[in-house]
Amino acid sequence: MKKMDLSEWSDWIDGQDVMEKLHITQRTLQRWRTNGLIPFSQLRGRLYYRKSDIIRLLKKGFNGK
């Protein structure tokens, strides 16, 4: 399995990038938001996520299920 290079990520990334980079579905990302697992910000109708929050979530062992 190819290791993710997190250094290439911006400090803030949009939902589409999160889904592509983590290989998760839109529903999974929505469930993480709903359950308070990942903070987000909304700007002009788009949702954005902090790289540090995603790394924290990954370190906790969430795998998209």
PDB file of N, CA and C in Angstrom:
ATOM      1  N   MET A   1       0.839  -1.180   0.000  1.00  0.00           N
ATOM      2  CA  MET A   1       0.000   0.000   0.000  1.00  0.00           C
ATOM      3  C   MET A   1       0.885   1.245   0.000  1.00  0.00           C
ATOM      4  N   LYS A   2       0.543   2.210  -0.814  1.00  0.00           N
ATOM      5  CA  LYS A   2       1.317   3.441  -0.932  1.00  0.00           C
ATOM      6  C   LYS A   2       1.092   4.329   0.293  1.00  0.00           C
ATOM      7  N   LYS A   3       2.192   4.826   0.852  1.00  0.00           N
ATOM      8  CA  LYS A   3       2.110   5.707   2.014  1.00  0.00           C
ATOM      9  C   LYS A   3       1.723   7.118   1.569  1.00  0.00           C
ATOM     10  N   MET A   4       0.836   7.766   2.334  1.00  0.00           N
ATOM     11  CA  MET A   4       0.407   9.129   2.029  1.00  0.00           C
ATOM     12  C   MET A   4       1.515  10.110   2.352  1.00  0.00           C
ATOM     13  N   ASP A   5       1.726  11.065   1.479  1.00  0.00           N
ATOM     14  CA  ASP A   5       2.676  12.135   1.734  1.00  0.00           C
ATOM     15  C   ASP A   5       1.889  13.349   2.205  1.00  0.00           C
ATOM     16  N   LEU A   6       1.762  13.488   3.510  1.00  0.00           N
ATOM     17  CA  LEU A   6       0.949  14.563   4.078  1.00  0.00           C
ATOM     18  C   LEU A   6       1.599  15.929   3.914  1.00  0.00           C
ATOM     19  N   SER A   7       2.886  15.950   3.613  1.00  0.00           N
ATOM     20  CA  SER A   7       3.560  17.241   3.461  1.00  0.00           C
ATOM     21  C   SER A   7       3.069  17.999   2.234  1.00  0.00           C
ATOM     22  N   GLU A   8       2.499  17.297   1.265  1.00  0.00           N
ATOM     23  CA  GLU A   8       2.016  17.963   0.055  1.00  0.00           C
ATOM     24  C   GLU A   8       0.631  18.579   0.250  1.00  0.00           C
ATOM     25  N   TRP A   9      -0.032  18.283   1.347  1.00  0.00           N
ATOM     26  CA  TRP A   9      -1.362  18.829   1.618  1.00  0.00           C
ATOM     27  C   TRP A   9      -1.259  20.279   2.059  1.00  0.00           C
ATOM     28  N   SER A  10      -2.246  21.065   1.691  1.00  0.00           N
ATOM     29  CA  SER A  10      -2.364  22.431   2.212  1.00  0.00           C
ATOM     30  C   SER A  10      -2.821  22.360   3.662  1.00  0.00           C
ATOM     31  N   ASP A  11      -2.747  23.481   4.372  1.00  0.00           N
ATOM     32  CA  ASP A  11      -3.227  23.503   5.752  1.00  0.00           C
ATOM     33  C   ASP A  11      -4.732  23.269   5.824  1.00  0.00           C
ATOM     34  N   TRP A  12      -5.459  23.750   4.828  1.00  0.00           N
ATOM     35  CA  TRP A  12      -6.907  23.541   4.728  1.00  0.00           C
ATOM     36  C   TRP A  12      -7.191  22.867   3.392  1.00  0.00           C
ATOM     37  N   ILE A  13      -8.001  21.812   3.422  1.00  0.00           N
ATOM     38  CA  ILE A  13      -8.369  21.140   2.169  1.00  0.00           C
ATOM     39  C   ILE A  13      -9.886  20.961   2.134  1.00  0.00           C
ATOM     40  N   ASP A  14     -10.428  20.909   0.934  1.00  0.00           N
ATOM     41  CA  ASP A  14     -11.879  20.768   0.820  1.00  0.00           C
ATOM     42  C   ASP A  14     -12.285  19.298   0.920  1.00  0.00           C
ATOM     43  N   GLY A  15     -13.569  19.082   1.044  1.00  0.00           N
ATOM     44  CA  GLY A  15     -14.101  17.736   1.238  1.00  0.00           C
ATOM     45  C   GLY A  15     -13.743  16.779   0.120  1.00  0.00           C
ATOM     46  N   GLN A  16     -13.760  17.247  -1.108  1.00  0.00           N
ATOM     47  CA  GLN A  16     -13.428  16.394  -2.240  1.00  0.00           C
ATOM     48  C   GLN A  16     -11.998  15.867  -2.119  1.00  0.00           C
ATOM     49  N   ASP A  17     -11.079  16.748  -1.744  1.00  0.00           N
ATOM     50  CA  ASP A  17      -9.688  16.320  -1.559  1.00  0.00           C
ATOM     51  C   ASP A  17      -9.556  15.323  -0.411  1.00  0.00           C
ATOM     52  N   VAL A  18     -10.284  15.546   0.669  1.00  0.00           N
ATOM     53  CA  VAL A  18     -10.255  14.606   1.800  1.00  0.00           C
ATOM     54  C   VAL A  18     -10.707  13.231   1.339  1.00  0.00           C
ATOM     55  N   MET A  19     -11.817  13.195   0.606  1.00  0.00           N
ATOM     56  CA  MET A  19     -12.348  11.912   0.143  1.00  0.00           C
ATOM     57  C   MET A  19     -11.366  11.203  -0.786  1.00  0.00           C
ATOM     58  N   GLU A  20     -10.759  11.945  -1.688  1.00  0.00           N
ATOM     59  CA  GLU A  20      -9.805  11.350  -2.627  1.00  0.00           C
ATOM     60  C   GLU A  20      -8.550  10.854  -1.918  1.00  0.00           C
ATOM     61  N   LYS A  21      -8.008  11.656  -1.039  1.00  0.00           N
ATOM     62  CA  LYS A  21      -6.761  11.303  -0.376  1.00  0.00           C
ATOM     63  C   LYS A  21      -6.927  10.155   0.618  1.00  0.00           C
ATOM     64  N   LEU A  22      -8.082  10.093   1.287  1.00  0.00           N
ATOM     65  CA  LEU A  22      -8.310   9.047   2.283  1.00  0.00           C
ATOM     66  C   LEU A  22      -9.075   7.855   1.722  1.00  0.00           C
ATOM     67  N   HIS A  23      -9.501   7.963   0.475  1.00  0.00           N
ATOM     68  CA  HIS A  23     -10.273   6.887  -0.173  1.00  0.00           C
ATOM     69  C   HIS A  23     -11.524   6.543   0.638  1.00  0.00           C
ATOM     70  N   ILE A  24     -12.276   7.592   0.969  1.00  0.00           N
ATOM     71  CA  ILE A  24     -13.528   7.413   1.698  1.00  0.00           C
ATOM     72  C   ILE A  24     -14.665   7.995   0.861  1.00  0.00           C
ATOM     73  N   THR A  25     -15.877   7.653   1.227  1.00  0.00           N
ATOM     74  CA  THR A  25     -17.045   8.147   0.509  1.00  0.00           C
ATOM     75  C   THR A  25     -17.539   9.450   1.120  1.00  0.00           C
ATOM     76  N   GLN A  26     -18.391  10.118   0.380  1.00  0.00           N
ATOM     77  CA  GLN A  26     -19.011  11.349   0.870  1.00  0.00           C
ATOM     78  C   GLN A  26     -19.809  11.057   2.135  1.00  0.00           C
ATOM     79  N   ARG A  27     -20.472   9.919   2.167  1.00  0.00           N
ATOM     80  CA  ARG A  27     -21.278   9.538   3.326  1.00  0.00           C
ATOM     81  C   ARG A  27     -20.409   9.351   4.565  1.00  0.00           C
ATOM     82  N   THR A  28     -19.241   8.750   4.395  1.00  0.00           N
ATOM     83  CA  THR A  28     -18.328   8.561   5.524  1.00  0.00           C
ATOM     84  C   THR A  28     -17.886   9.907   6.079  1.00  0.00           C
ATOM     85  N   LEU A  29     -17.510  10.821   5.194  1.00  0.00           N
ATOM     86  CA  LEU A  29     -17.087  12.141   5.632  1.00  0.00           C
ATOM     87  C   LEU A  29     -18.233  12.861   6.343  1.00  0.00           C
ATOM     88  N   GLN A  30     -19.443  12.715   5.822  1.00  0.00           N
ATOM     89  CA  GLN A  30     -20.612  13.315   6.463  1.00  0.00           C
ATOM     90  C   GLN A  30     -20.840  12.713   7.848  1.00  0.00           C
ATOM     91  N   ARG A  31     -20.683  11.414   7.967  1.00  0.00           N
ATOM     92  CA  ARG A  31     -20.879  10.746   9.253  1.00  0.00           C
ATOM     93  C   ARG A  31     -19.831  11.225  10.270  1.00  0.00           C
ATOM     94  N   TRP A  32     -18.596  11.410   9.824  1.00  0.00           N
ATOM     95  CA  TRP A  32     -17.557  11.923  10.716  1.00  0.00           C
ATOM     96  C   TRP A  32     -17.921  13.317  11.220  1.00  0.00           C
ATOM     97  N   ARG A  33     -18.464  14.160  10.320  1.00  0.00           N
ATOM     98  CA  ARG A  33     -18.888  15.508  10.739  1.00  0.00           C
ATOM     99  C   ARG A  33     -20.043  15.419  11.727  1.00  0.00           C
ATOM    100  N   THR A  34     -21.052  14.652  11.391  1.00  0.00           N
ATOM    101  CA  THR A  34     -22.255  14.513  12.213  1.00  0.00           C
ATOM    102  C   THR A  34     -21.914  13.999  13.611  1.00  0.00           C
ATOM    103  N   ASN A  35     -20.990  13.052  13.672  1.00  0.00           N
ATOM    104  CA  ASN A  35     -20.610  12.463  14.956  1.00  0.00           C
ATOM    105  C   ASN A  35     -19.560  13.289  15.700  1.00  0.00           C
ATOM    106  N   GLY A  36     -19.169  14.415  15.119  1.00  0.00           N
ATOM    107  CA  GLY A  36     -18.208  15.289  15.780  1.00  0.00           C
ATOM    108  C   GLY A  36     -16.784  14.763  15.775  1.00  0.00           C
ATOM    109  N   LEU A  37     -16.482  13.840  14.868  1.00  0.00           N
ATOM    110  CA  LEU A  37     -15.136  13.269  14.816  1.00  0.00           C
ATOM    111  C   LEU A  37     -14.132  14.177  14.128  1.00  0.00           C
ATOM    112  N   ILE A  38     -14.631  15.049  13.252  1.00  0.00           N
ATOM    113  CA  ILE A  38     -13.729  15.918  12.505  1.00  0.00           C
ATOM    114  C   ILE A  38     -14.330  17.317  12.403  1.00  0.00           C
ATOM    115  N   PRO A  39     -13.628  18.317  12.905  1.00  0.00           N
ATOM    116  CA  PRO A  39     -14.119  19.693  12.786  1.00  0.00           C
ATOM    117  C   PRO A  39     -14.011  20.176  11.341  1.00  0.00           C
ATOM    118  N   PHE A  40     -14.815  21.144  11.003  1.00  0.00           N
ATOM    119  CA  PHE A  40     -14.793  21.692   9.650  1.00  0.00           C
ATOM    120  C   PHE A  40     -15.208  23.150   9.691  1.00  0.00           C
ATOM    121  N   SER A  41     -14.907  23.836   8.613  1.00  0.00           N
ATOM    122  CA  SER A  41     -15.356  25.218   8.431  1.00  0.00           C
ATOM    123  C   SER A  41     -16.062  25.306   7.097  1.00  0.00           C
ATOM    124  N   GLN A  42     -17.026  26.205   7.022  1.00  0.00           N
ATOM    125  CA  GLN A  42     -17.775  26.374   5.789  1.00  0.00           C
ATOM    126  C   GLN A  42     -17.546  27.780   5.248  1.00  0.00           C
ATOM    127  N   LEU A  43     -17.236  27.856   3.959  1.00  0.00           N
ATOM    128  CA  LEU A  43     -16.998  29.122   3.303  1.00  0.00           C
ATOM    129  C   LEU A  43     -17.650  29.080   1.936  1.00  0.00           C
ATOM    130  N   ARG A  44     -18.598  29.986   1.717  1.00  0.00           N
ATOM    131  CA  ARG A  44     -19.321  30.052   0.446  1.00  0.00           C
ATOM    132  C   ARG A  44     -19.906  28.704   0.032  1.00  0.00           C
ATOM    133  N   GLY A  45     -20.469  28.005   0.995  1.00  0.00           N
ATOM    134  CA  GLY A  45     -21.146  26.749   0.711  1.00  0.00           C
ATOM    135  C   GLY A  45     -20.250  25.529   0.591  1.00  0.00           C
ATOM    136  N   ARG A  46     -18.955  25.707   0.717  1.00  0.00           N
ATOM    137  CA  ARG A  46     -18.022  24.574   0.642  1.00  0.00           C
ATOM    138  C   ARG A  46     -17.468  24.293   2.021  1.00  0.00           C
ATOM    139  N   LEU A  47     -17.229  23.016   2.287  1.00  0.00           N
ATOM    140  CA  LEU A  47     -16.685  22.598   3.570  1.00  0.00           C
ATOM    141  C   LEU A  47     -15.182  22.394   3.447  1.00  0.00           C
ATOM    142  N   TYR A  48     -14.469  22.853   4.466  1.00  0.00           N
ATOM    143  CA  TYR A  48     -13.011  22.734   4.494  1.00  0.00           C
ATOM    144  C   TYR A  48     -12.582  22.103   5.806  1.00  0.00           C
ATOM    145  N   TYR A  49     -11.481  21.373   5.739  1.00  0.00           N
ATOM    146  CA  TYR A  49     -10.964  20.630   6.880  1.00  0.00           C
ATOM    147  C   TYR A  49      -9.497  20.976   7.080  1.00  0.00           C
ATOM    148  N   ARG A  50      -9.079  21.051   8.332  1.00  0.00           N
ATOM    149  CA  ARG A  50      -7.677  21.333   8.641  1.00  0.00           C
ATOM    150  C   ARG A  50      -6.852  20.053   8.539  1.00  0.00           C
ATOM    151  N   LYS A  51      -5.698  20.173   7.949  1.00  0.00           N
ATOM    152  CA  LYS A  51      -4.790  19.040   7.815  1.00  0.00           C
ATOM    153  C   LYS A  51      -4.489  18.431   9.185  1.00  0.00           C
ATOM    154  N   SER A  52      -4.254  19.255  10.178  1.00  0.00           N
ATOM    155  CA  SER A  52      -3.921  18.755  11.516  1.00  0.00           C
ATOM    156  C   SER A  52      -5.064  17.921  12.108  1.00  0.00           C
ATOM    157  N   ASP A  53      -6.314  18.291  11.821  1.00  0.00           N
ATOM    158  CA  ASP A  53      -7.460  17.523  12.324  1.00  0.00           C
ATOM    159  C   ASP A  53      -7.558  16.164  11.638  1.00  0.00           C
ATOM    160  N   ILE A  54      -7.238  16.127  10.363  1.00  0.00           N
ATOM    161  CA  ILE A  54      -7.268  14.865   9.628  1.00  0.00           C
ATOM    162  C   ILE A  54      -6.176  13.935  10.138  1.00  0.00           C
ATOM    163  N   ILE A  55      -4.976  14.484  10.369  1.00  0.00           N
ATOM    164  CA  ILE A  55      -3.876  13.683  10.893  1.00  0.00           C
ATOM    165  C   ILE A  55      -4.237  13.116  12.258  1.00  0.00           C
ATOM    166  N   ARG A  56      -4.843  13.953  13.102  1.00  0.00           N
ATOM    167  CA  ARG A  56      -5.268  13.495  14.431  1.00  0.00           C
ATOM    168  C   ARG A  56      -6.259  12.337  14.321  1.00  0.00           C
ATOM    169  N   LEU A  57      -7.207  12.465  13.410  1.00  0.00           N
ATOM    170  CA  LEU A  57      -8.202  11.423  13.205  1.00  0.00           C
ATOM    171  C   LEU A  57      -7.547  10.126  12.734  1.00  0.00           C
ATOM    172  N   LEU A  58      -6.608  10.230  11.820  1.00  0.00           N
ATOM    173  CA  LEU A  58      -5.909   9.049  11.309  1.00  0.00           C
ATOM    174  C   LEU A  58      -5.100   8.366  12.420  1.00  0.00           C
ATOM    175  N   LYS A  59      -4.481   9.169  13.270  1.00  0.00           N
ATOM    176  CA  LYS A  59      -3.688   8.600  14.361  1.00  0.00           C
ATOM    177  C   LYS A  59      -4.560   7.850  15.350  1.00  0.00           C
ATOM    178  N   LYS A  60      -5.822   8.261  15.457  1.00  0.00           N
ATOM    179  CA  LYS A  60      -6.760   7.554  16.332  1.00  0.00           C
ATOM    180  C   LYS A  60      -7.181   6.219  15.733  1.00  0.00           C
ATOM    181  N   GLY A  61      -6.916   6.026  14.436  1.00  0.00           N
ATOM    182  CA  GLY A  61      -7.196   4.739  13.822  1.00  0.00           C
ATOM    183  C   GLY A  61      -8.476   4.655  13.036  1.00  0.00           C
ATOM    184  N   PHE A  62      -9.094   5.779  12.684  1.00  0.00           N
ATOM    185  CA  PHE A  62     -10.313   5.721  11.879  1.00  0.00           C
ATOM    186  C   PHE A  62      -9.949   5.350  10.469  1.00  0.00           C
ATOM    187  N   ASN A  63     -10.709   4.435   9.886  1.00  0.00           N
ATOM    188  CA  ASN A  63     -10.393   3.937   8.556  1.00  0.00           C
ATOM    189  C   ASN A  63     -11.541   4.056   7.578  1.00  0.00           C
ATOM    190  N   GLY A  64     -12.515   4.902   7.859  1.00  0.00           N
ATOM    191  CA  GLY A  64     -13.607   5.107   6.920  1.00  0.00           C
ATOM    192  C   GLY A  64     -14.823   4.228   7.173  1.00  0.00           C
ATOM    193  N   LYS A  65     -14.801   3.408   8.200  1.00  0.00           N
ATOM    194  CA  LYS A  65     -15.949   2.539   8.482  1.00  0.00           C
ATOM    195  C   LYS A  65     -16.898   3.194   9.455  1.00  0.00           C
TER     196      LYS A  65
END
